[in-house]
């Protein structure tokens, strides 16, 4: 099926992604303002779902919307002939009223982290690359307030912006085969937390005892797009107390 031309509503455009998905584009520059618009739109969609809506996936500048095609086609009250036309029309008419409401009104989520040694095997090399001491790296990492831009890679993995420029570091040339869950890493200008044991190439500077993802919880992912986060340095003994 050929791609269909996007229809624009103010700053929104909706693109065909597959027979059961579309992508809503809000802009092309990563910013907190765009993040808040995406989060607000996603919240409004969850509160006002169309028939067949299955799930949504926010990213830096877009929101992908997945649905059951048969249910959408059977929704006669939704204008349009195809699934794409029906969903596109619905999303564009959802509007942007009150999309300026931000999640920054809620306080940051505090994440305890034990830095260095076996918890953060890359912190010494990272500090050396930037002519910093390990303690200065910890201070810079814990002083910032981070914004969760998107969840991806694996369930619960939060990509966070707001890293101090002095800590920006490329990914490792050779990824590790296994990164322990809870590991806190840096890649370029982002920081993130591995929620599961997975391969990975981020620079690992510490580890949190918190579970970032638990399928048994009502909200499996601890973090979601739009959340604010800050990190608190803890000792190995405190790490064990959290884990007990």
Protein backbone atom coordinates (compact mmCIF):
# COMPACT_ATOMS: atom_id res chain seq x y z
CA UNK A 1 0.00 0.00 0.00
CA UNK A 2 1.57 3.36 -0.96
CA UNK A 3 2.21 6.00 1.62
CA UNK A 4 -0.51 8.57 1.86
CA UNK A 5 0.16 12.28 2.01
CA UNK A 6 0.01 13.71 5.52
CA UNK A 7 -2.85 16.00 6.46
CA UNK A 8 -1.87 18.89 8.68
CA UNK A 9 -3.81 20.22 11.65
CA UNK A 10 -1.97 23.22 13.11
CA UNK A 11 1.41 21.64 13.95
CA UNK A 12 0.20 18.03 13.73
CA UNK A 13 0.58 15.65 10.82
CA UNK A 14 -0.47 12.01 10.62
CA UNK A 15 1.47 9.48 8.57
CA UNK A 16 0.63 5.97 7.45
CA UNK A 17 2.88 3.50 9.30
CA UNK A 18 1.25 0.12 8.57
CA UNK A 19 -2.22 -1.34 8.08
CA UNK A 20 -2.64 -1.24 11.85
CA UNK A 21 -0.66 1.82 12.86
CA UNK A 22 -0.13 5.51 12.16
CA UNK A 23 2.40 8.03 13.41
CA UNK A 24 1.46 11.49 14.63
CA UNK A 25 4.29 13.97 14.13
CA UNK A 26 4.36 17.07 16.34
CA UNK A 27 7.53 18.73 15.04
CA UNK A 28 11.11 17.98 14.09
CA UNK A 29 13.18 19.41 16.92
CA UNK A 30 13.66 17.71 20.27
CA UNK A 31 12.53 20.01 23.08
CA UNK A 32 10.71 19.98 26.40
CA UNK A 33 7.84 21.93 24.83
CA UNK A 34 7.35 19.24 22.18
CA UNK A 35 7.64 16.50 24.78
CA UNK A 36 4.88 18.08 26.86
CA UNK A 37 2.60 18.42 23.82
CA UNK A 38 3.12 14.75 22.96
CA UNK A 39 2.50 13.66 26.54
CA UNK A 40 -0.67 15.77 26.78
CA UNK A 41 -1.98 14.49 23.45
CA UNK A 42 -1.25 10.89 24.48
CA UNK A 43 -3.05 11.40 27.79
CA UNK A 44 -6.08 12.86 26.01
CA UNK A 45 -6.14 9.93 23.56
CA UNK A 46 -5.99 7.41 26.42
CA UNK A 47 -8.92 9.18 28.07
CA UNK A 48 -10.86 9.33 24.78
CA UNK A 49 -9.92 6.15 22.87
CA UNK A 50 -11.43 5.36 19.48
CA UNK A 51 -12.83 1.84 18.85
CA UNK A 52 -9.95 -0.57 18.26
CA UNK A 53 -7.20 1.51 19.89
CA UNK A 54 -4.61 -0.92 21.24
CA UNK A 55 -1.51 0.99 22.35
CA UNK A 56 0.58 4.09 21.80
CA UNK A 57 4.34 4.57 21.66
CA UNK A 58 5.72 8.08 22.29
CA UNK A 59 9.11 9.08 20.89
CA UNK A 60 11.17 12.28 20.77
CA UNK A 61 8.95 14.06 18.20
CA UNK A 62 6.19 11.56 17.41
CA UNK A 63 3.46 9.37 18.85
CA UNK A 64 2.77 6.06 17.09
CA UNK A 65 -0.77 4.75 17.46
CA UNK A 66 -1.58 1.05 17.05
CA UNK A 67 -5.09 -0.31 16.54
CA UNK A 68 -7.16 -3.30 15.47
CA UNK A 69 -7.99 -2.67 11.81
CA UNK A 70 -11.22 -4.72 11.73
CA UNK A 71 -12.67 -2.88 14.73
CA UNK A 72 -11.81 0.49 13.21
CA UNK A 73 -13.44 -0.46 9.86
CA UNK A 74 -16.61 -1.53 11.71
CA UNK A 75 -16.83 1.83 13.53
CA UNK A 76 -19.39 3.43 11.21
CA UNK A 77 -19.49 6.65 13.23
CA UNK A 78 -15.84 7.35 12.33
CA UNK A 79 -15.71 9.26 9.01
CA UNK A 80 -13.54 7.83 6.24
CA UNK A 81 -13.34 4.84 3.95
CA UNK A 82 -10.07 3.21 5.05
CA UNK A 83 -8.58 2.56 8.48
CA UNK A 84 -6.02 5.26 7.85
CA UNK A 85 -8.65 7.85 6.93
CA UNK A 86 -10.80 6.98 9.94
CA UNK A 87 -7.94 7.09 12.45
CA UNK A 88 -6.36 10.14 10.84
CA UNK A 89 -9.64 12.06 10.99
CA UNK A 90 -10.17 11.05 14.63
CA UNK A 91 -6.68 12.10 15.72
CA UNK A 92 -6.74 15.42 13.90
CA UNK A 93 -10.10 16.23 15.45
CA UNK A 94 -8.87 15.29 18.89
CA UNK A 95 -7.33 18.74 18.76
CA UNK A 96 -4.65 20.37 20.73
CA UNK A 97 -6.71 22.24 23.32
CA UNK A 98 -4.85 22.39 26.63
CA UNK A 99 -1.86 20.56 25.15
CA UNK A 100 0.35 23.12 26.81
CA UNK A 101 -0.41 21.43 30.15
CA UNK A 102 2.86 19.94 31.28
CA UNK A 103 3.91 17.10 33.51
CA UNK A 104 6.64 19.29 34.98
CA UNK A 105 4.11 20.31 37.65
CA UNK A 106 4.80 17.01 39.39
CA UNK A 107 8.01 16.65 41.43
CA UNK A 108 10.95 14.63 40.07
CA UNK A 109 11.15 10.90 40.75
CA UNK A 110 14.17 10.17 42.93
CA UNK A 111 16.37 7.28 41.77
CA UNK A 112 19.02 6.05 44.28
CA UNK A 113 22.27 5.02 42.56
CA UNK A 114 25.42 3.38 43.86
CA UNK A 115 28.20 4.82 41.66
CA UNK A 116 31.57 3.32 40.68
CA UNK A 117 33.41 0.07 41.46
CA UNK A 118 31.50 -3.00 40.29
CA UNK A 119 28.29 -0.95 40.11
CA UNK A 120 29.75 1.50 37.57
CA UNK A 121 32.74 -0.07 35.81
CA UNK A 122 33.11 2.75 33.24
CA UNK A 123 33.02 5.76 35.55
CA UNK A 124 36.80 6.00 36.05
CA UNK A 125 37.53 5.97 32.30
CA UNK A 126 34.71 8.41 31.65
CA UNK A 127 36.08 10.77 34.32
CA UNK A 128 39.57 10.53 32.82
CA UNK A 129 38.28 11.36 29.33
CA UNK A 130 36.81 14.61 30.65
CA UNK A 131 39.64 15.52 33.06
CA UNK A 132 37.32 15.07 36.00
CA UNK A 133 37.54 13.09 39.21
CA UNK A 134 35.10 10.27 39.83
CA UNK A 135 33.45 12.34 42.56
CA UNK A 136 33.01 15.26 40.14
CA UNK A 137 31.25 12.92 37.70
CA UNK A 138 28.93 11.80 40.48
CA UNK A 139 28.28 15.40 41.53
CA UNK A 140 27.46 16.49 37.96
CA UNK A 141 25.22 13.47 37.39
CA UNK A 142 23.25 13.95 40.61
CA UNK A 143 22.86 17.73 40.32
CA UNK A 144 20.80 17.65 37.11
CA UNK A 145 17.05 17.21 36.66
CA UNK A 146 16.36 14.86 33.75
CA UNK A 147 13.36 14.53 31.47
CA UNK A 148 12.16 11.13 30.18
CA UNK A 149 11.69 11.59 26.44
CA UNK A 150 10.74 8.06 25.45
CA UNK A 151 10.60 4.43 26.52
CA UNK A 152 12.17 1.93 24.15
CA UNK A 153 14.91 -0.57 23.31
CA UNK A 154 13.47 -2.93 25.94
CA UNK A 155 10.37 -2.50 28.17
CA UNK A 156 10.96 0.20 30.75
CA UNK A 157 14.20 1.60 29.29
CA UNK A 158 13.90 5.37 29.68
CA UNK A 159 15.85 7.70 27.40
CA UNK A 160 16.53 10.83 29.46
CA UNK A 161 17.74 14.28 28.37
CA UNK A 162 19.26 16.95 30.57
CA UNK A 163 22.74 15.50 30.99
CA UNK A 164 25.45 18.02 31.84
CA UNK A 165 27.47 18.75 28.68
CA UNK A 166 30.69 17.89 30.56
CA UNK A 167 29.55 14.26 30.83
CA UNK A 168 28.49 13.74 27.20
CA UNK A 169 30.35 10.61 26.05
CA UNK A 170 29.93 8.35 23.00
CA UNK A 171 28.74 4.79 23.35
CA UNK A 172 31.40 2.13 23.84
CA UNK A 173 33.02 0.93 20.61
CA UNK A 174 32.32 -2.68 21.61
CA UNK A 175 29.04 -3.31 23.46
CA UNK A 176 28.97 -5.65 26.43
CA UNK A 177 27.10 -8.92 26.01
CA UNK A 178 25.28 -8.44 29.32
CA UNK A 179 24.50 -5.31 31.34
CA UNK A 180 22.96 -6.05 34.78
CA UNK A 181 19.47 -4.68 35.33
CA UNK A 182 19.44 -1.38 37.18
CA UNK A 183 22.69 -0.20 35.56
CA UNK A 184 22.81 3.55 34.93
CA UNK A 185 24.53 4.55 31.71
CA UNK A 186 25.54 7.51 29.57
CA UNK A 187 25.44 7.63 25.77
CA UNK A 188 26.21 10.90 24.01
CA UNK A 189 24.02 13.55 25.71
CA UNK A 190 21.60 11.09 27.31
CA UNK A 191 21.45 9.04 30.46
CA UNK A 192 19.37 5.91 30.96
CA UNK A 193 18.76 2.88 33.16
CA UNK A 194 18.79 -0.73 31.98
CA UNK A 195 15.57 -2.31 33.37
CA UNK A 196 16.58 -5.87 32.39
CA UNK A 197 19.75 -7.88 31.88
CA UNK A 198 20.52 -7.11 28.24
CA UNK A 199 23.46 -6.45 25.91
CA UNK A 200 24.37 -2.79 25.75
CA UNK A 201 26.95 -0.21 24.73
CA UNK A 202 26.28 2.68 27.11
CA UNK A 203 28.98 3.86 29.53
CA UNK A 204 27.98 2.32 32.87
CA UNK A 205 28.60 4.64 35.85
CA UNK A 206 26.39 3.13 38.56
CA UNK A 207 23.42 0.94 39.43
CA UNK A 208 20.09 1.48 41.14
CA UNK A 209 18.41 -1.15 43.33
CA UNK A 210 14.96 -0.05 42.09
CA UNK A 211 13.02 -2.19 39.63
CA UNK A 212 12.47 -0.10 36.51
CA UNK A 213 10.17 -2.72 35.01
CA UNK A 214 7.96 -5.32 36.71
CA UNK A 215 5.26 -7.04 34.65
CA UNK A 216 3.30 -7.85 37.83
CA UNK A 217 2.74 -4.18 38.74
CA UNK A 218 -0.37 -2.31 37.61
CA UNK A 219 2.01 0.10 35.85
CA UNK A 220 4.90 -2.19 34.85
CA UNK A 221 7.28 0.62 33.86
CA UNK A 222 8.41 2.84 36.75
CA UNK A 223 9.05 5.73 34.35
CA UNK A 224 7.10 7.10 31.42
CA UNK A 225 7.60 9.86 28.88
CA UNK A 226 7.31 13.29 30.47
CA UNK A 227 8.49 12.26 33.93
CA UNK A 228 11.20 14.27 35.63
CA UNK A 229 13.99 12.33 37.32
CA UNK A 230 16.92 13.05 39.58
CA UNK A 231 19.55 10.71 40.94
CA UNK A 232 20.79 10.35 44.51
CA UNK A 233 24.15 8.81 45.37
CA UNK A 234 23.97 5.94 47.86
CA UNK A 235 26.56 3.64 49.45
CA UNK A 236 26.92 -0.11 48.75
CA UNK A 237 25.38 -0.74 52.20
CA UNK A 238 22.34 1.37 51.31
CA UNK A 239 22.11 -0.46 47.98
CA UNK A 240 21.88 -3.77 49.87
CA UNK A 241 19.21 -2.34 52.19
CA UNK A 242 17.09 -1.27 49.19
CA UNK A 243 17.54 -4.71 47.61
CA UNK A 244 16.66 -6.66 50.79
